[in-house]
């Protein structure tokens, strides 16, 4: 499902217009982004938690140059799904 399909599905389920749903979704994305930029975790009960985590510098390998390279440390966004979002896999 992409963003347009999500907007359409939410509009159908909620009875709101697609334009209104798109505005709300864009504001949610911007707000979550602002919180993560400030390194504040965002917890949406039933969905999960977004948080910023520091990834340490590490040694990598450049296959085109055929030599080792240093990969610098950086901050990444981690997502931990909530219990309601867990997928139950059935055994065949």
Protein backbone atom coordinates (compact mmCIF):
# COMPACT_ATOMS: atom_id res chain seq x y z
CA UNK A 1 0.00 0.00 0.00
CA UNK A 2 1.36 3.41 -0.90
CA UNK A 3 0.38 6.85 0.41
CA UNK A 4 -2.37 7.43 -2.17
CA UNK A 5 -3.92 4.02 -1.45
CA UNK A 6 -3.77 4.71 2.29
CA UNK A 7 -5.49 8.07 1.83
CA UNK A 8 -8.23 6.46 -0.28
CA UNK A 9 -8.81 3.65 2.24
CA UNK A 10 -8.98 6.05 5.21
CA UNK A 11 -11.35 8.33 3.28
CA UNK A 12 -13.65 5.40 2.52
CA UNK A 13 -13.63 4.13 6.10
CA UNK A 14 -14.04 7.55 7.73
CA UNK A 15 -16.40 9.24 5.29
CA UNK A 16 -14.02 12.21 4.99
CA UNK A 17 -12.83 13.61 1.68
CA UNK A 18 -9.52 12.45 0.27
CA UNK A 19 -8.24 16.04 0.41
CA UNK A 20 -9.00 16.28 4.14
CA UNK A 21 -7.40 12.90 4.85
CA UNK A 22 -4.30 13.91 2.88
CA UNK A 23 -3.97 17.16 4.86
CA UNK A 24 -4.24 15.30 8.17
CA UNK A 25 -1.77 12.62 7.09
CA UNK A 26 0.74 15.24 5.92
CA UNK A 27 0.44 17.04 9.28
CA UNK A 28 0.94 13.76 11.16
CA UNK A 29 4.06 12.98 9.13
CA UNK A 30 5.45 16.49 9.70
CA UNK A 31 4.75 16.36 13.44
CA UNK A 32 6.38 12.94 13.84
CA UNK A 33 9.34 14.20 11.82
CA UNK A 34 9.70 17.29 14.02
CA UNK A 35 9.61 15.18 17.19
CA UNK A 36 12.22 12.77 15.83
CA UNK A 37 14.39 15.70 14.71
CA UNK A 38 14.34 16.81 18.38
CA UNK A 39 15.14 13.20 19.37
CA UNK A 40 11.79 12.76 21.13
CA UNK A 41 10.28 9.28 20.79
CA UNK A 42 6.78 9.07 19.31
CA UNK A 43 4.48 6.35 20.64
CA UNK A 44 1.19 5.64 18.87
CA UNK A 45 -0.71 3.06 20.90
CA UNK A 46 -1.81 0.23 18.64
CA UNK A 47 0.77 1.13 15.99
CA UNK A 48 4.17 1.33 17.64
CA UNK A 49 7.04 3.57 18.69
CA UNK A 50 9.39 5.62 16.52
CA UNK A 51 12.69 6.67 18.10
CA UNK A 52 16.09 8.01 17.09
CA UNK A 53 19.11 5.80 17.69
CA UNK A 54 22.80 6.48 17.18
CA UNK A 55 24.54 4.08 14.81
CA UNK A 56 28.23 3.74 15.69
CA UNK A 57 31.02 4.32 13.18
CA UNK A 58 32.17 1.08 11.62
CA UNK A 59 34.52 -0.49 9.12
CA UNK A 60 32.99 -1.26 5.71
CA UNK A 61 34.13 -2.62 2.39
CA UNK A 62 33.88 -0.90 -0.98
CA UNK A 63 33.66 -3.70 -3.59
CA UNK A 64 34.24 -1.41 -6.57
CA UNK A 65 37.48 -0.02 -5.11
CA UNK A 66 38.39 -3.34 -3.49
CA UNK A 67 39.39 -1.87 -0.16
CA UNK A 68 38.14 -1.14 3.34
CA UNK A 69 36.55 2.17 4.21
CA UNK A 70 35.39 3.93 7.34
CA UNK A 71 31.62 4.46 7.61
CA UNK A 72 30.88 7.43 9.91
CA UNK A 73 28.45 7.36 12.84
CA UNK A 74 24.95 8.64 12.16
CA UNK A 75 21.49 8.84 13.65
CA UNK A 76 18.75 6.59 12.32
CA UNK A 77 15.03 6.17 12.99
CA UNK A 78 13.97 2.87 14.56
CA UNK A 79 10.41 1.56 14.66
CA UNK A 80 9.14 -0.99 17.15
CA UNK A 81 5.64 -2.26 16.29
CA UNK A 82 2.97 -2.39 18.99
CA UNK A 83 1.30 -5.61 20.08
CA UNK A 84 -1.87 -4.83 18.10
CA UNK A 85 0.24 -4.60 14.92
CA UNK A 86 2.03 -7.93 15.33
CA UNK A 87 1.47 -10.32 12.46
CA UNK A 88 0.43 -13.84 13.43
CA UNK A 89 2.05 -16.39 11.13
CA UNK A 90 0.17 -19.62 10.65
CA UNK A 91 2.05 -22.88 10.28
CA UNK A 92 1.16 -24.93 7.22
